[in-house]
Amino acid sequence: MSFFSDSFIKKETFWFEQLPSACYQASGIVVNGRRIKSLVFTTDLAIIRNCDADAVFAVYPFTPQSAISHAPINGSYIPVFCGCGGGTTKGLRTLSLAQDAEGQGAMGIVLNAPISDLNLLAVTKVVDIPVIITVVSEETDIAARLASGASILNVAAGPGTAALVQKIRRDFPEVPIIASGGNTEKSIQATVAVGANAITFTPPSTAELFKSMMAKYRES
């Protein structure tokens, strides 16, 4: 049973009892025998421990640190995919971060869109777990990314995500695709319909959840 009551669910914008059911219409991506259809996009351990996602997408807008990846990996009961740089952080540091995350027990490594093909290839050579490359533009050379060892694409193009997924799926029918699906059933269904195999979902913050909870307490 979920910790959060039904009263925290809005009709179109999802508060956090469960991930949107549309996530589970995706076909999923099988990694180490587990089928992943939904990934919660957070490093907040309290959120991770109180959701029904299939996996954690632990990517964040700061310089990657082993201490940050340790927390979700050690505290999660579901698999964790860890961000290991690719933008500001690159080169040899991405290799050491990826090796460290693999040693901690990460299920996969996530690299940001700016990383070079050579750096991507180097990361894939030092770990045995899947390496996920983020795609933010239709200008990305997908064939080069796959040739450099990327196992999975993570499409994150904002409002253009579904259109980009559709384009990639047309050109690469077999490549596994994770995509951000928005926060409504309709937007997630649209992203799944054009070929996304798994969906990342950004939950409300703990502050937002507390705001709703405290408002309810004040009414009682």
C-alpha atoms as a PDB file:
ATOM      1  CA  MET A   1       0.000   0.000   0.000  1.00  0.00           C
ATOM      2  CA  SER A   2       1.253   3.477  -0.858  1.00  0.00           C
ATOM      3  CA  PHE A   3       2.186   5.926   1.878  1.00  0.00           C
ATOM      4  CA  PHE A   4       0.298   8.735   0.160  1.00  0.00           C
ATOM      5  CA  SER A   5      -3.490   8.867   0.169  1.00  0.00           C
ATOM      6  CA  ASP A   6      -5.678   9.262  -2.918  1.00  0.00           C
ATOM      7  CA  SER A   7      -6.317  12.886  -2.004  1.00  0.00           C
ATOM      8  CA  PHE A   8      -2.837  13.794  -3.175  1.00  0.00           C
ATOM      9  CA  ILE A   9      -3.578  12.728  -6.753  1.00  0.00           C
ATOM     10  CA  LYS A  10      -4.778  15.476  -9.066  1.00  0.00           C
ATOM     11  CA  LYS A  11      -6.728  14.515 -12.163  1.00  0.00           C
ATOM     12  CA  GLU A  12      -4.165  15.621 -14.788  1.00  0.00           C
ATOM     13  CA  THR A  13      -1.019  16.585 -12.864  1.00  0.00           C
ATOM     14  CA  PHE A  14       0.214  13.617 -10.887  1.00  0.00           C
ATOM     15  CA  TRP A  15       1.159  13.876  -7.242  1.00  0.00           C
ATOM     16  CA  PHE A  16       2.951  10.960  -5.911  1.00  0.00           C
ATOM     17  CA  GLU A  17       0.943   7.953  -4.897  1.00  0.00           C
ATOM     18  CA  GLN A  18       1.902   6.030  -8.046  1.00  0.00           C
ATOM     19  CA  LEU A  19       3.548   6.753 -11.352  1.00  0.00           C
ATOM     20  CA  PRO A  20       1.070   7.376 -14.179  1.00  0.00           C
ATOM     21  CA  SER A  21      -0.388   4.109 -15.441  1.00  0.00           C
ATOM     22  CA  ALA A  22       0.501   5.109 -19.021  1.00  0.00           C
ATOM     23  CA  CYS A  23       4.144   4.359 -18.185  1.00  0.00           C
ATOM     24  CA  TYR A  24       3.254   0.690 -18.038  1.00  0.00           C
ATOM     25  CA  GLN A  25       1.889   0.677 -21.566  1.00  0.00           C
ATOM     26  CA  ALA A  26       5.510   0.828 -22.745  1.00  0.00           C
ATOM     27  CA  SER A  27       7.132  -2.382 -23.953  1.00  0.00           C
ATOM     28  CA  GLY A  28      10.052  -2.013 -21.545  1.00  0.00           C
ATOM     29  CA  ILE A  29      13.798  -2.550 -21.806  1.00  0.00           C
ATOM     30  CA  VAL A  30      15.259  -5.764 -20.414  1.00  0.00           C
ATOM     31  CA  VAL A  31      18.496  -5.266 -18.447  1.00  0.00           C
ATOM     32  CA  ASN A  32      20.000  -8.216 -16.596  1.00  0.00           C
ATOM     33  CA  GLY A  33      16.730 -10.093 -16.845  1.00  0.00           C
ATOM     34  CA  ARG A  34      14.588  -7.234 -15.475  1.00  0.00           C
ATOM     35  CA  ARG A  35      12.062  -5.419 -17.640  1.00  0.00           C
ATOM     36  CA  ILE A  36      12.219  -1.666 -17.040  1.00  0.00           C
ATOM     37  CA  LYS A  37       9.203   0.397 -18.129  1.00  0.00           C
ATOM     38  CA  SER A  38       9.290   3.332 -15.708  1.00  0.00           C
ATOM     39  CA  LEU A  39      12.164   5.274 -14.161  1.00  0.00           C
ATOM     40  CA  VAL A  40      11.772   7.890 -11.437  1.00  0.00           C
ATOM     41  CA  PHE A  41      14.017  10.883 -12.161  1.00  0.00           C
ATOM     42  CA  THR A  42      15.389  11.786  -8.716  1.00  0.00           C
ATOM     43  CA  THR A  43      18.207  11.358  -6.210  1.00  0.00           C
ATOM     44  CA  ASP A  44      15.859  11.910  -3.243  1.00  0.00           C
ATOM     45  CA  LEU A  45      16.009   8.738  -1.186  1.00  0.00           C
ATOM     46  CA  ALA A  46      12.664   9.411   0.489  1.00  0.00           C
ATOM     47  CA  ILE A  47      10.979   9.558  -2.921  1.00  0.00           C
ATOM     48  CA  ILE A  48      12.870   6.494  -4.142  1.00  0.00           C
ATOM     49  CA  ARG A  49      11.732   4.463  -1.144  1.00  0.00           C
ATOM     50  CA  ASN A  50       8.089   5.467  -1.605  1.00  0.00           C
ATOM     51  CA  CYS A  51       7.279   4.963  -5.259  1.00  0.00           C
ATOM     52  CA  ASP A  52       6.358   2.139  -7.590  1.00  0.00           C
ATOM     53  CA  ALA A  53       8.863   2.859 -10.392  1.00  0.00           C
ATOM     54  CA  ASP A  54      10.811   0.000 -11.929  1.00  0.00           C
ATOM     55  CA  ALA A  55      14.133   1.849 -11.594  1.00  0.00           C
ATOM     56  CA  VAL A  56      15.796   5.100 -10.558  1.00  0.00           C
ATOM     57  CA  PHE A  57      17.252   7.604 -13.029  1.00  0.00           C
ATOM     58  CA  ALA A  58      19.810   9.304 -10.761  1.00  0.00           C
ATOM     59  CA  VAL A  59      20.932  12.177 -12.965  1.00  0.00           C
ATOM     60  CA  TYR A  60      21.433  15.667 -11.547  1.00  0.00           C
ATOM     61  CA  PRO A  61      22.681  19.121 -12.676  1.00  0.00           C
ATOM     62  CA  PHE A  62      25.921  19.168 -10.704  1.00  0.00           C
ATOM     63  CA  THR A  63      29.415  17.780 -11.089  1.00  0.00           C
ATOM     64  CA  PRO A  64      29.045  14.018 -10.506  1.00  0.00           C
ATOM     65  CA  GLN A  65      30.411  12.724  -7.210  1.00  0.00           C
ATOM     66  CA  SER A  66      30.658   9.185  -5.933  1.00  0.00           C
ATOM     67  CA  ALA A  67      29.114  10.229  -2.626  1.00  0.00           C
ATOM     68  CA  ILE A  68      25.951  11.326  -4.444  1.00  0.00           C
ATOM     69  CA  SER A  69      25.587   8.070  -6.370  1.00  0.00           C
ATOM     70  CA  HIS A  70      26.263   6.000  -3.228  1.00  0.00           C
ATOM     71  CA  ALA A  71      23.039   7.167  -1.553  1.00  0.00           C
ATOM     72  CA  PRO A  72      20.448   6.003  -4.101  1.00  0.00           C
ATOM     73  CA  ILE A  73      22.344   2.803  -4.916  1.00  0.00           C
ATOM     74  CA  ASN A  74      22.762   1.797  -1.280  1.00  0.00           C
ATOM     75  CA  GLY A  75      19.300   2.905  -0.177  1.00  0.00           C
ATOM     76  CA  SER A  76      17.185   1.845  -3.143  1.00  0.00           C
ATOM     77  CA  TYR A  77      15.344  -1.454  -3.434  1.00  0.00           C
ATOM     78  CA  ILE A  78      15.041  -0.989  -7.216  1.00  0.00           C
ATOM     79  CA  PRO A  79      17.831  -0.742  -9.818  1.00  0.00           C
ATOM     80  CA  VAL A  80      19.654   2.570 -10.262  1.00  0.00           C
ATOM     81  CA  PHE A  81      20.985   4.181 -13.433  1.00  0.00           C
ATOM     82  CA  CYS A  82      23.658   6.740 -12.490  1.00  0.00           C
ATOM     83  CA  GLY A  83      24.689   9.949 -14.207  1.00  0.00           C
ATOM     84  CA  CYS A  84      28.453  10.088 -14.695  1.00  0.00           C
ATOM     85  CA  GLY A  85      28.937  13.348 -16.563  1.00  0.00           C
ATOM     86  CA  GLY A  86      29.448  14.077 -20.218  1.00  0.00           C
ATOM     87  CA  GLY A  87      28.894  17.829 -20.145  1.00  0.00           C
ATOM     88  CA  THR A  88      31.038  19.835 -17.736  1.00  0.00           C
ATOM     89  CA  THR A  89      32.584  16.605 -16.489  1.00  0.00           C
ATOM     90  CA  LYS A  90      34.324  14.621 -19.195  1.00  0.00           C
ATOM     91  CA  GLY A  91      37.509  12.777 -20.084  1.00  0.00           C
ATOM     92  CA  LEU A  92      39.205  10.446 -17.628  1.00  0.00           C
ATOM     93  CA  ARG A  93      36.944  11.535 -14.770  1.00  0.00           C
ATOM     94  CA  THR A  94      33.898  10.064 -16.504  1.00  0.00           C
ATOM     95  CA  LEU A  95      35.743   6.759 -16.757  1.00  0.00           C
ATOM     96  CA  SER A  96      36.564   6.652 -13.057  1.00  0.00           C
ATOM     97  CA  LEU A  97      33.050   7.718 -12.072  1.00  0.00           C
ATOM     98  CA  ALA A  98      31.545   5.028 -14.296  1.00  0.00           C
ATOM     99  CA  GLN A  99      33.804   2.343 -12.860  1.00  0.00           C
ATOM    100  CA  ASP A 100      32.970   3.456  -9.332  1.00  0.00           C
ATOM    101  CA  ALA A 101      29.213   3.442 -10.013  1.00  0.00           C
ATOM    102  CA  GLU A 102      29.460  -0.049 -11.499  1.00  0.00           C
ATOM    103  CA  GLY A 103      31.390  -1.223  -8.444  1.00  0.00           C
ATOM    104  CA  GLN A 104      28.708   0.199  -6.145  1.00  0.00           C
ATOM    105  CA  GLY A 105      26.033  -1.772  -7.979  1.00  0.00           C
ATOM    106  CA  ALA A 106      24.533   0.598 -10.557  1.00  0.00           C
ATOM    107  CA  MET A 107      22.518  -1.091 -13.295  1.00  0.00           C
ATOM    108  CA  GLY A 108      23.634   1.384 -15.953  1.00  0.00           C
ATOM    109  CA  ILE A 109      25.634   4.532 -16.669  1.00  0.00           C
ATOM    110  CA  VAL A 110      24.001   7.697 -18.046  1.00  0.00           C
ATOM    111  CA  LEU A 111      26.074  10.209 -20.029  1.00  0.00           C
ATOM    112  CA  ASN A 112      25.021  13.701 -21.040  1.00  0.00           C
ATOM    113  CA  ALA A 113      24.539  14.801 -24.640  1.00  0.00           C
ATOM    114  CA  PRO A 114      27.736  16.902 -25.085  1.00  0.00           C
ATOM    115  CA  ILE A 115      30.119  13.968 -24.524  1.00  0.00           C
ATOM    116  CA  SER A 116      32.324  13.127 -27.505  1.00  0.00           C
ATOM    117  CA  ASP A 117      32.046   9.817 -29.317  1.00  0.00           C
ATOM    118  CA  LEU A 118      35.616   9.010 -28.277  1.00  0.00           C
ATOM    119  CA  ASN A 119      34.865   9.645 -24.603  1.00  0.00           C
ATOM    120  CA  LEU A 120      31.664   7.602 -24.898  1.00  0.00           C
ATOM    121  CA  LEU A 121      33.585   4.723 -26.428  1.00  0.00           C
ATOM    122  CA  ALA A 122      36.175   4.889 -23.633  1.00  0.00           C
ATOM    123  CA  VAL A 123      33.455   4.631 -20.970  1.00  0.00           C
ATOM    124  CA  THR A 124      31.902   1.608 -22.673  1.00  0.00           C
ATOM    125  CA  LYS A 125      35.314  -0.091 -22.646  1.00  0.00           C
ATOM    126  CA  VAL A 126      35.799   0.205 -18.871  1.00  0.00           C
ATOM    127  CA  VAL A 127      32.364  -1.005 -17.680  1.00  0.00           C
ATOM    128  CA  ASP A 128      30.276  -4.075 -18.429  1.00  0.00           C
ATOM    129  CA  ILE A 129      26.909  -2.514 -17.584  1.00  0.00           C
ATOM    130  CA  PRO A 130      24.835  -0.653 -20.211  1.00  0.00           C
ATOM    131  CA  VAL A 131      25.858   2.883 -21.131  1.00  0.00           C
ATOM    132  CA  ILE A 132      22.965   5.238 -21.862  1.00  0.00           C
ATOM    133  CA  ILE A 133      23.563   8.320 -24.000  1.00  0.00           C
ATOM    134  CA  THR A 134      21.257  11.321 -23.739  1.00  0.00           C
ATOM    135  CA  VAL A 135      19.896  12.730 -27.004  1.00  0.00           C
ATOM    136  CA  VAL A 136      18.495  16.268 -27.005  1.00  0.00           C
ATOM    137  CA  SER A 137      18.447  17.178 -30.698  1.00  0.00           C
ATOM    138  CA  GLU A 138      17.607  15.669 -34.074  1.00  0.00           C
ATOM    139  CA  GLU A 139      21.068  16.818 -35.182  1.00  0.00           C
ATOM    140  CA  THR A 140      22.655  14.069 -33.071  1.00  0.00           C
ATOM    141  CA  ASP A 141      24.429  11.416 -35.120  1.00  0.00           C
ATOM    142  CA  ILE A 142      22.658   8.396 -33.660  1.00  0.00           C
ATOM    143  CA  ALA A 143      24.599   5.920 -35.792  1.00  0.00           C
ATOM    144  CA  ALA A 144      27.876   7.295 -34.420  1.00  0.00           C
ATOM    145  CA  ARG A 145      26.579   7.071 -30.853  1.00  0.00           C
ATOM    146  CA  LEU A 146      25.626   3.430 -31.326  1.00  0.00           C
ATOM    147  CA  ALA A 147      28.925   2.653 -33.056  1.00  0.00           C
ATOM    148  CA  SER A 148      30.694   4.202 -30.037  1.00  0.00           C
ATOM    149  CA  GLY A 149      29.073   1.653 -27.746  1.00  0.00           C
ATOM    150  CA  ALA A 150      25.883   3.261 -26.459  1.00  0.00           C
ATOM    151  CA  SER A 151      23.410   0.535 -25.463  1.00  0.00           C
ATOM    152  CA  ILE A 152      20.340   2.694 -24.858  1.00  0.00           C
ATOM    153  CA  LEU A 153      19.224   6.173 -25.957  1.00  0.00           C
ATOM    154  CA  ASN A 154      17.719   8.607 -23.455  1.00  0.00           C
ATOM    155  CA  VAL A 155      15.657  11.116 -25.412  1.00  0.00           C
ATOM    156  CA  ALA A 156      15.140  14.379 -23.532  1.00  0.00           C
ATOM    157  CA  ALA A 157      14.100  17.090 -25.981  1.00  0.00           C
ATOM    158  CA  GLY A 158      11.511  18.923 -23.909  1.00  0.00           C
ATOM    159  CA  PRO A 159       8.236  19.473 -25.789  1.00  0.00           C
ATOM    160  CA  GLY A 160       9.855  17.945 -28.880  1.00  0.00           C
ATOM    161  CA  THR A 161      10.624  14.614 -27.220  1.00  0.00           C
ATOM    162  CA  ALA A 162       7.818  12.602 -28.838  1.00  0.00           C
ATOM    163  CA  ALA A 163       8.687  13.928 -32.314  1.00  0.00           C
ATOM    164  CA  LEU A 164      12.359  13.072 -31.818  1.00  0.00           C
ATOM    165  CA  VAL A 165      11.515   9.580 -30.554  1.00  0.00           C
ATOM    166  CA  GLN A 166       9.389   9.057 -33.653  1.00  0.00           C
ATOM    167  CA  LYS A 167      12.235  10.125 -35.944  1.00  0.00           C
ATOM    168  CA  ILE A 168      14.783   7.908 -34.210  1.00  0.00           C
ATOM    169  CA  ARG A 169      12.422   4.936 -34.195  1.00  0.00           C
ATOM    170  CA  ARG A 170      11.841   5.302 -37.916  1.00  0.00           C
ATOM    171  CA  ASP A 171      15.585   5.226 -38.643  1.00  0.00           C
ATOM    172  CA  PHE A 172      16.592   2.757 -35.902  1.00  0.00           C
ATOM    173  CA  PRO A 173      13.663   0.393 -35.296  1.00  0.00           C
ATOM    174  CA  GLU A 174      15.480  -1.866 -32.835  1.00  0.00           C
ATOM    175  CA  VAL A 175      17.370   0.590 -30.589  1.00  0.00           C
ATOM    176  CA  PRO A 176      16.132   0.718 -26.959  1.00  0.00           C
ATOM    177  CA  ILE A 177      14.757   4.175 -26.134  1.00  0.00           C
ATOM    178  CA  ILE A 178      14.085   5.793 -22.763  1.00  0.00           C
ATOM    179  CA  ALA A 179      12.218   9.111 -23.019  1.00  0.00           C
ATOM    180  CA  SER A 180      10.806  11.814 -20.789  1.00  0.00           C
ATOM    181  CA  GLY A 181       7.044  11.646 -21.107  1.00  0.00           C
ATOM    182  CA  GLY A 182       5.773  14.751 -19.334  1.00  0.00           C
ATOM    183  CA  ASN A 183       3.477  14.562 -16.341  1.00  0.00           C
ATOM    184  CA  THR A 184       0.095  13.620 -17.781  1.00  0.00           C
ATOM    185  CA  GLU A 185      -1.348  10.353 -19.021  1.00  0.00           C
ATOM    186  CA  LYS A 186      -1.943  11.943 -22.425  1.00  0.00           C
ATOM    187  CA  SER A 187       1.635  13.129 -22.961  1.00  0.00           C
ATOM    188  CA  ILE A 188       3.110   9.832 -21.751  1.00  0.00           C
ATOM    189  CA  GLN A 189       0.776   7.825 -23.982  1.00  0.00           C
ATOM    190  CA  ALA A 190       1.845   9.964 -26.960  1.00  0.00           C
ATOM    191  CA  THR A 191       5.523   9.304 -26.253  1.00  0.00           C
ATOM    192  CA  VAL A 192       4.964   5.562 -25.862  1.00  0.00           C
ATOM    193  CA  ALA A 193       2.867   5.462 -29.036  1.00  0.00           C
ATOM    194  CA  VAL A 194       5.728   6.773 -31.185  1.00  0.00           C
ATOM    195  CA  GLY A 195       8.213   4.211 -29.918  1.00  0.00           C
ATOM    196  CA  ALA A 196       9.574   4.911 -26.446  1.00  0.00           C
ATOM    197  CA  ASN A 197      10.312   1.639 -24.638  1.00  0.00           C
ATOM    198  CA  ALA A 198      10.532   3.198 -21.171  1.00  0.00           C
ATOM    199  CA  ILE A 199       9.515   6.491 -19.569  1.00  0.00           C
ATOM    200  CA  THR A 200      11.323   8.751 -17.105  1.00  0.00           C
ATOM    201  CA  PHE A 201       8.974  10.554 -14.725  1.00  0.00           C
ATOM    202  CA  THR A 202       9.922  13.579 -12.631  1.00  0.00           C
ATOM    203  CA  PRO A 203       8.105  13.413  -9.275  1.00  0.00           C
ATOM    204  CA  PRO A 204       7.036  16.399  -7.193  1.00  0.00           C
ATOM    205  CA  SER A 205       9.591  17.517  -4.626  1.00  0.00           C
ATOM    206  CA  THR A 206       9.262  16.578  -0.976  1.00  0.00           C
ATOM    207  CA  ALA A 207       8.447  20.252  -0.317  1.00  0.00           C
ATOM    208  CA  GLU A 208       5.463  20.048  -2.689  1.00  0.00           C
ATOM    209  CA  LEU A 209       4.287  16.834  -1.075  1.00  0.00           C
ATOM    210  CA  PHE A 210       4.590  18.348   2.398  1.00  0.00           C
ATOM    211  CA  LYS A 211       2.609  21.385   1.262  1.00  0.00           C
ATOM    212  CA  SER A 212      -0.337  19.197   0.259  1.00  0.00           C
ATOM    213  CA  MET A 213       0.001  17.045   3.356  1.00  0.00           C
ATOM    214  CA  MET A 214       0.143  19.998   5.752  1.00  0.00           C
ATOM    215  CA  ALA A 215      -2.865  21.642   4.080  1.00  0.00           C
ATOM    216  CA  LYS A 216      -4.821  18.433   4.731  1.00  0.00           C
ATOM    217  CA  TYR A 217      -3.650  18.323   8.353  1.00  0.00           C
ATOM    218  CA  ARG A 218      -4.816  21.909   8.896  1.00  0.00           C
ATOM    219  CA  GLU A 219      -8.285  20.999   7.688  1.00  0.00           C
ATOM    220  CA  SER A 220      -8.635  18.121  10.158  1.00  0.00           C
END
